[in-house]
Amino acid sequence: MTAPAAETTVPTGHDVPRAVSALLFVRDRGIFVLWGLIILAFSFWCAPYFATLDNALLIANAAALTAIFAAGVGFGVMTGVLDLSLPGTAAFASCLTGWLITNGQPVWAGLLAGLASGVLVGLANGLIVLRGFNPIIVTIGTLSALSGLAAVIAGGYTFPGLTGLTFMGTDRYLGVPAPVYIVALLFLVGTVFLTRTRDGIRLMAVGGNAEAVRRSGIHADRYKVLGFVISGLCAALGGLVTAAITTEATPEASPSIIFNALTAVALAGVALTGGRGSLPRVLVGALILATIANGLTIRGVQPYWATVTTGVLLLASLLLERIVQTGVSNRLMSSANLSVHKKQV
């Protein structure tokens, strides 16, 4: 008679999931911890000027523009594309609005035209990319073309005296700058769209695996174009808010726009390959950049050190993303192998 095999408990792998959970926490929640530590450090280093309500409003207002453009980059990246045309779209939208207002058109008509131009630029980018062209090359070409068109509209100069836009720029409501309200509304609507609507969830899914979405019967290309359209709309909004703050529209497409926006998105742990991301984290990424710049300014540190810090943060966030992804993959593979090899028949 053959003795029955002793019962063996198959390892559940609780230790491995804990390690994976820790890595995922660093990726998904680490940015909030980082921001808290930065605030704490500057509160001591820059006392008593940093930790005040007035300074908090200054930081929020300074982060507003970066946050708007970062939302545009984030939407594009979550869809699986990187839109580099944002500075050109912003310049074109602001100059178009400035031209209309200075030529006697009402402010609301100029704003609608500016926002519509962003939608059309995004639509054009999306349709061209669907023809099989590289998104980066396409959007770089669009950036160049739009910068030139903005200069043509402005005649090589600017549109000064746009005081009719101050309601969305320098004006304050209940003591809070207008751009802060615009950012709050943009991120609230964007977050609800991505997490609570069918189209938003599908847009994220297309960024993760467009082919799988296509095989499930969903029109994946439509959502790729939608990502470009939302990105263009955010860029146009950013250009209009910039014009409202400075009360002038300029055709200059500043490269710092895309640099700061990309850094905020990378800090937020948004996968540059698409399919994963969070708009609230993108907002915190923009706030981190503004907080660092504000603290260094209070201490009298030269502004270029803020640029250096931004670049270091961008590289560090990319390195952390690689470490976390590699760590999660290795631990999940180890867990799977452990479960298979420990089984006894």
Protein backbone atom coordinates (compact mmCIF):
# COMPACT_ATOMS: atom_id res chain seq x y z
CA MET A 1 0.00 0.00 0.00
CA THR A 2 1.32 3.38 -0.92
CA ALA A 3 1.40 5.87 1.91
CA PRO A 4 -0.58 8.99 1.17
CA ALA A 5 1.53 11.95 0.36
CA ALA A 6 1.87 14.44 3.15
CA GLU A 7 -0.24 17.51 2.67
CA THR A 8 1.86 20.49 1.74
CA THR A 9 0.77 24.08 2.17
CA VAL A 10 1.40 26.01 -0.98
CA PRO A 11 3.03 29.37 -0.19
CA THR A 12 0.64 32.20 -0.69
CA GLY A 13 3.39 34.68 -1.42
CA HIS A 14 2.25 37.26 1.11
CA ASP A 15 5.80 38.57 1.51
CA VAL A 16 6.17 39.21 -2.21
CA PRO A 17 2.89 41.13 -2.56
CA ARG A 18 3.98 43.31 0.38
CA ALA A 19 7.13 44.24 -1.49
CA VAL A 20 5.14 44.91 -4.64
CA SER A 21 2.63 46.98 -2.68
CA ALA A 22 5.46 49.05 -1.24
CA LEU A 23 6.86 49.76 -4.69
CA LEU A 24 3.43 50.65 -6.03
CA PHE A 25 2.88 52.97 -3.06
CA VAL A 26 6.12 54.77 -3.88
CA ARG A 27 5.00 55.14 -7.50
CA ASP A 28 1.39 56.14 -6.84
CA ARG A 29 1.55 57.97 -3.51
CA GLY A 30 5.20 58.87 -3.13
CA ILE A 31 4.68 62.27 -4.79
CA PHE A 32 2.35 63.35 -1.97
CA VAL A 33 4.95 62.33 0.61
CA LEU A 34 7.64 64.17 -1.35
CA TRP A 35 5.57 67.35 -1.49
CA GLY A 36 4.91 67.15 2.24
CA LEU A 37 8.62 66.76 2.97
CA ILE A 38 9.48 69.71 0.71
CA ILE A 39 6.90 71.90 2.46
CA LEU A 40 8.24 70.83 5.85
CA ALA A 41 11.85 71.53 4.87
CA PHE A 42 11.10 74.98 3.45
CA SER A 43 8.90 75.83 6.44
CA PHE A 44 11.99 75.58 8.64
CA TRP A 45 14.57 76.84 6.14
CA CYS A 46 12.52 79.85 5.01
CA ALA A 47 10.80 80.66 8.33
CA PRO A 48 8.78 82.75 9.00
CA TYR A 49 7.92 83.77 5.43
CA PHE A 50 7.19 80.44 3.77
CA ALA A 51 4.44 78.84 5.85
CA THR A 52 1.83 81.59 5.45
CA LEU A 53 -1.53 81.75 3.70
CA ASP A 54 -0.40 84.56 1.40
CA ASN A 55 2.64 82.57 0.31
CA ALA A 56 0.51 79.46 -0.23
CA LEU A 57 -1.66 81.47 -2.62
CA LEU A 58 1.46 82.71 -4.39
CA ILE A 59 2.61 79.11 -4.87
CA ALA A 60 -0.81 78.00 -6.12
CA ASN A 61 -0.95 80.90 -8.57
CA ALA A 62 2.60 80.23 -9.78
CA ALA A 63 1.78 76.56 -10.30
CA ALA A 64 -1.40 77.32 -12.27
CA LEU A 65 0.16 77.73 -15.72
CA THR A 66 2.40 74.69 -15.35
CA ALA A 67 -0.59 72.68 -14.15
CA ILE A 68 -2.72 73.62 -17.17
CA PHE A 69 -0.02 72.65 -19.66
CA ALA A 70 0.83 69.54 -17.63
CA ALA A 71 -2.82 68.48 -17.89
CA GLY A 72 -2.48 68.74 -21.67
CA VAL A 73 0.69 66.68 -21.69
CA GLY A 74 -0.85 64.21 -19.24
CA PHE A 75 -3.94 63.59 -21.34
CA GLY A 76 -1.78 62.97 -24.38
CA VAL A 77 0.63 60.67 -22.59
CA MET A 78 -2.18 58.67 -20.99
CA THR A 79 -3.51 58.08 -24.50
CA GLY A 80 -0.09 56.83 -25.55
CA VAL A 81 1.18 59.90 -27.43
CA LEU A 82 3.45 62.80 -26.55
CA ASP A 83 2.23 66.16 -27.85
CA LEU A 84 5.14 68.60 -28.17
CA SER A 85 3.14 71.25 -30.00
CA LEU A 86 1.69 72.79 -26.82
CA PRO A 87 3.85 75.95 -26.79
CA GLY A 88 2.96 76.68 -30.42
CA THR A 89 -0.74 76.03 -29.81
CA ALA A 90 -0.68 78.37 -26.80
CA ALA A 91 1.04 81.13 -28.76
CA PHE A 92 -1.31 80.79 -31.72
CA ALA A 93 -4.46 80.74 -29.57
CA SER A 94 -3.39 83.81 -27.59
CA CYS A 95 -2.42 85.78 -30.71
CA LEU A 96 -5.67 84.86 -32.46
CA THR A 97 -7.62 86.02 -29.43
CA GLY A 98 -5.51 89.17 -29.13
CA TRP A 99 -6.02 90.02 -32.80
CA LEU A 100 -9.79 89.60 -32.55
CA ILE A 101 -10.08 91.71 -29.39
CA THR A 102 -7.86 94.53 -30.68
CA ASN A 103 -9.92 94.58 -33.86
CA GLY A 104 -13.14 95.31 -32.04
CA GLN A 105 -14.53 91.83 -31.43
CA PRO A 106 -16.02 91.05 -27.99
CA VAL A 107 -13.84 89.31 -25.44
CA TRP A 108 -16.06 86.22 -25.33
CA ALA A 109 -15.74 85.77 -29.10
CA GLY A 110 -11.95 86.04 -28.91
CA LEU A 111 -11.81 83.47 -26.11
CA LEU A 112 -14.05 81.03 -27.95
CA ALA A 113 -11.97 81.40 -31.10
CA GLY A 114 -8.77 80.78 -29.14
CA LEU A 115 -10.14 77.64 -27.49
CA ALA A 116 -11.58 76.42 -30.81
CA SER A 117 -8.17 76.83 -32.43
CA GLY A 118 -6.70 74.49 -29.81
CA VAL A 119 -9.36 71.89 -30.58
CA LEU A 120 -8.69 72.15 -34.32
CA VAL A 121 -4.93 71.84 -33.82
CA GLY A 122 -5.44 68.72 -31.70
CA LEU A 123 -7.81 67.27 -34.29
CA ALA A 124 -5.31 67.91 -37.07
CA ASN A 125 -2.46 66.34 -35.07
CA GLY A 126 -4.56 63.27 -34.33
CA LEU A 127 -5.72 62.73 -37.89
CA ILE A 128 -2.17 63.10 -39.25
CA VAL A 129 -0.79 60.64 -36.68
CA LEU A 130 -3.48 58.11 -37.65
CA ARG A 131 -1.95 58.08 -41.13
CA GLY A 132 1.05 56.31 -39.61
CA PHE A 133 3.35 59.23 -38.88
CA ASN A 134 5.45 59.49 -35.72
CA PRO A 135 3.57 61.63 -33.14
CA ILE A 136 6.72 63.36 -31.92
CA ILE A 137 7.77 64.41 -35.42
CA VAL A 138 4.22 65.51 -36.28
CA THR A 139 3.84 67.65 -33.18
CA ILE A 140 7.29 69.20 -33.60
CA GLY A 141 6.26 70.18 -37.12
CA THR A 142 2.99 71.58 -35.78
CA LEU A 143 4.91 73.52 -33.12
CA SER A 144 7.06 75.17 -35.78
CA ALA A 145 4.11 75.94 -38.06
CA LEU A 146 1.97 77.40 -35.29
CA SER A 147 4.82 79.54 -33.97
CA GLY A 148 5.24 80.99 -37.45
CA LEU A 149 1.50 81.56 -37.88
CA ALA A 150 1.32 83.31 -34.50
CA ALA A 151 4.12 85.65 -35.62
CA VAL A 152 2.26 86.30 -38.88
CA ILE A 153 -0.92 87.21 -37.01
CA ALA A 154 0.99 89.51 -34.65
CA GLY A 155 3.10 90.98 -37.43
CA GLY A 156 6.23 90.07 -35.50
CA TYR A 157 5.13 92.08 -32.46
CA THR A 158 2.67 91.51 -29.60
CA PHE A 159 -0.91 92.45 -28.78
CA PRO A 160 -0.60 94.60 -25.63
CA GLY A 161 -3.31 96.10 -23.48
CA LEU A 162 -5.61 93.08 -23.26
CA THR A 163 -7.15 94.36 -20.04
CA GLY A 164 -10.45 92.71 -20.90
CA LEU A 165 -8.88 89.37 -19.95
CA THR A 166 -7.87 90.32 -16.40
CA PHE A 167 -10.98 88.58 -15.05
CA MET A 168 -9.20 85.27 -15.72
CA GLY A 169 -5.68 86.47 -15.00
CA THR A 170 -4.79 89.02 -12.34
CA ASP A 171 -8.20 89.45 -10.69
CA ARG A 172 -8.89 87.79 -7.35
CA TYR A 173 -12.12 86.33 -6.04
CA LEU A 174 -12.47 85.92 -2.27
CA GLY A 175 -8.75 86.60 -2.13
CA VAL A 176 -7.86 83.71 -4.45
CA PRO A 177 -6.28 84.42 -7.87
CA ALA A 178 -8.47 83.63 -10.88
CA PRO A 179 -6.05 81.07 -12.43
CA VAL A 180 -6.35 78.93 -9.29
CA TYR A 181 -10.10 78.59 -9.88
CA ILE A 182 -9.50 77.73 -13.53
CA VAL A 183 -7.01 75.00 -12.59
CA ALA A 184 -9.34 73.60 -9.92
CA LEU A 185 -12.21 73.37 -12.40
CA LEU A 186 -10.02 71.89 -15.15
CA PHE A 187 -8.61 69.15 -12.92
CA LEU A 188 -11.96 68.39 -11.31
CA VAL A 189 -13.66 67.92 -14.69
CA GLY A 190 -10.66 66.02 -16.08
CA THR A 191 -10.48 63.66 -13.12
CA VAL A 192 -14.20 62.91 -13.24
CA PHE A 193 -13.93 62.31 -16.99
CA LEU A 194 -11.03 59.86 -16.67
CA THR A 195 -12.35 57.93 -13.70
CA ARG A 196 -16.15 58.12 -13.89
CA THR A 197 -17.06 58.13 -17.58
CA ARG A 198 -16.98 55.38 -20.18
CA ASP A 199 -15.05 57.48 -22.69
CA GLY A 200 -12.43 58.45 -20.11
CA ILE A 201 -11.84 54.85 -19.05
CA ARG A 202 -11.60 53.80 -22.69
CA LEU A 203 -9.14 56.60 -23.40
CA MET A 204 -6.86 55.25 -20.65
CA ALA A 205 -7.30 51.71 -21.97
CA VAL A 206 -6.27 52.79 -25.47
CA GLY A 207 -3.08 54.23 -24.02
CA GLY A 208 -2.34 50.94 -22.27
CA ASN A 209 -3.00 48.59 -25.18
CA ALA A 210 -4.64 50.02 -28.27
CA GLU A 211 -4.65 46.69 -30.10
CA ALA A 212 -6.48 44.89 -27.29
CA VAL A 213 -9.05 47.67 -27.17
CA ARG A 214 -9.49 47.49 -30.94
CA ARG A 215 -10.04 43.72 -30.80
CA SER A 216 -12.73 44.21 -28.18
CA GLY A 217 -14.73 46.18 -30.75
CA ILE A 218 -13.93 49.71 -29.55
CA HIS A 219 -12.87 52.35 -32.07
CA ALA A 220 -9.37 52.92 -30.60
CA ASP A 221 -8.33 55.52 -33.19
CA ARG A 222 -11.20 57.77 -32.12
CA TYR A 223 -9.80 57.92 -28.59
CA LYS A 224 -6.28 58.62 -29.78
CA VAL A 225 -7.62 61.64 -31.65
CA LEU A 226 -9.60 62.63 -28.56
CA GLY A 227 -6.38 62.64 -26.53
CA PHE A 228 -4.83 65.08 -29.01
CA VAL A 229 -7.95 67.25 -28.98
CA ILE A 230 -8.00 67.54 -25.18
CA SER A 231 -4.27 68.24 -25.18
CA GLY A 232 -4.73 71.03 -27.73
CA LEU A 233 -7.63 72.49 -25.76
CA CYS A 234 -5.54 72.59 -22.58
CA ALA A 235 -2.68 74.23 -24.47
CA ALA A 236 -5.00 76.90 -25.85
CA LEU A 237 -6.42 77.51 -22.37
CA GLY A 238 -2.89 77.86 -21.03
CA GLY A 239 -2.06 80.40 -23.72
CA LEU A 240 -5.17 82.44 -22.91
CA VAL A 241 -4.46 82.42 -19.17
CA THR A 242 -0.89 83.52 -19.89
CA ALA A 243 -2.20 86.41 -21.99
CA ALA A 244 -4.67 87.28 -19.22
CA ILE A 245 -1.90 87.42 -16.60
CA THR A 246 0.46 89.54 -18.71
CA THR A 247 -2.38 91.45 -20.48
CA GLU A 248 -0.66 90.84 -23.80
CA ALA A 249 -0.47 88.10 -26.41
CA THR A 250 2.95 87.17 -27.71
CA PRO A 251 3.86 84.85 -30.61
CA GLU A 252 6.86 83.50 -28.72
CA ALA A 253 6.53 79.76 -28.05
CA SER A 254 8.54 79.30 -24.85
CA PRO A 255 10.25 75.87 -24.61
CA SER A 256 10.07 76.06 -20.81
CA ILE A 257 6.34 75.37 -21.12
CA ILE A 258 6.80 71.83 -22.34
CA PHE A 259 9.85 71.25 -20.12
CA ASN A 260 8.03 72.14 -16.89
CA ALA A 261 4.87 70.31 -17.97
CA LEU A 262 6.80 67.13 -18.77
CA THR A 263 8.60 67.32 -15.43
CA ALA A 264 5.30 67.63 -13.55
CA VAL A 265 3.88 64.67 -15.47
CA ALA A 266 6.98 62.55 -14.89
CA LEU A 267 6.99 63.41 -11.18
CA ALA A 268 3.36 62.28 -11.03
CA GLY A 269 4.37 58.79 -12.13
CA VAL A 270 2.38 58.95 -15.35
CA ALA A 271 3.62 56.15 -17.59
CA LEU A 272 5.17 57.76 -20.64
CA THR A 273 4.15 54.66 -22.59
CA GLY A 274 0.49 55.40 -21.83
CA GLY A 275 -2.37 53.72 -20.03
CA ARG A 276 -1.60 54.81 -16.49
CA GLY A 277 -1.75 58.12 -14.70
CA SER A 278 -3.63 60.42 -12.35
CA LEU A 279 -4.51 64.07 -12.85
CA PRO A 280 -4.42 64.86 -9.11
CA ARG A 281 -0.83 63.62 -9.02
CA VAL A 282 -0.02 65.77 -12.05
CA LEU A 283 -1.37 68.77 -10.15
CA VAL A 284 0.84 67.94 -7.17
CA GLY A 285 3.81 67.65 -9.56
CA ALA A 286 3.17 71.21 -10.74
CA LEU A 287 2.82 72.38 -7.14
CA ILE A 288 6.14 70.77 -6.23
CA LEU A 289 7.93 72.74 -8.96
CA ALA A 290 6.28 75.99 -7.81
CA THR A 291 7.04 75.24 -4.16
CA ILE A 292 10.73 74.69 -4.85
CA ALA A 293 11.00 77.86 -6.95
CA ASN A 294 9.17 79.85 -4.28
CA GLY A 295 11.32 78.58 -1.42
CA LEU A 296 14.57 79.24 -3.26
CA THR A 297 13.39 82.75 -4.11
CA ILE A 298 12.61 83.50 -0.46
CA ARG A 299 16.12 82.37 0.48
CA GLY A 300 17.61 84.60 -2.19
CA VAL A 301 18.97 81.71 -4.25
CA GLN A 302 19.57 82.51 -7.92
CA PRO A 303 16.64 81.49 -10.19
CA TYR A 304 18.77 79.23 -12.36
CA TRP A 305 19.12 76.84 -9.43
CA ALA A 306 15.38 76.23 -9.67
CA THR A 307 15.93 75.21 -13.30
CA VAL A 308 18.75 72.89 -12.23
CA THR A 309 16.52 71.37 -9.57
CA THR A 310 13.72 70.85 -12.08
CA GLY A 311 16.06 69.01 -14.43
CA VAL A 312 17.36 66.80 -11.62
CA LEU A 313 13.81 65.99 -10.54
CA LEU A 314 12.91 65.01 -14.10
CA LEU A 315 15.86 62.62 -14.35
CA ALA A 316 15.20 61.25 -10.86
CA SER A 317 11.53 60.60 -11.62
CA LEU A 318 12.40 58.73 -14.82
CA LEU A 319 14.97 56.65 -12.91
CA LEU A 320 12.46 55.90 -10.15
CA GLU A 321 9.87 54.84 -12.71
CA ARG A 322 12.36 52.40 -14.23
CA ILE A 323 13.38 51.02 -10.81
CA VAL A 324 9.78 50.54 -9.70
CA GLN A 325 8.70 48.88 -12.95
CA THR A 326 11.69 46.53 -12.90
CA GLY A 327 11.19 45.75 -9.22
CA VAL A 328 7.48 45.00 -9.63
CA SER A 329 8.10 42.78 -12.67
CA ASN A 330 10.89 40.83 -10.98
CA ARG A 331 8.92 40.26 -7.78
CA LEU A 332 5.79 39.18 -9.61
CA MET A 333 7.84 36.74 -11.69
CA SER A 334 9.53 35.43 -8.53
CA SER A 335 6.14 35.00 -6.89
CA ALA A 336 4.80 33.07 -9.87
CA ASN A 337 7.85 30.81 -10.06
CA LEU A 338 7.73 30.23 -6.30
CA SER A 339 4.09 29.14 -6.45
CA VAL A 340 4.71 26.79 -9.38
CA HIS A 341 7.86 25.09 -8.09
CA LYS A 342 6.54 24.57 -4.58
CA LYS A 343 3.46 22.67 -5.70
CA GLN A 344 3.66 18.93 -5.05
CA VAL A 345 1.56 16.30 -6.75
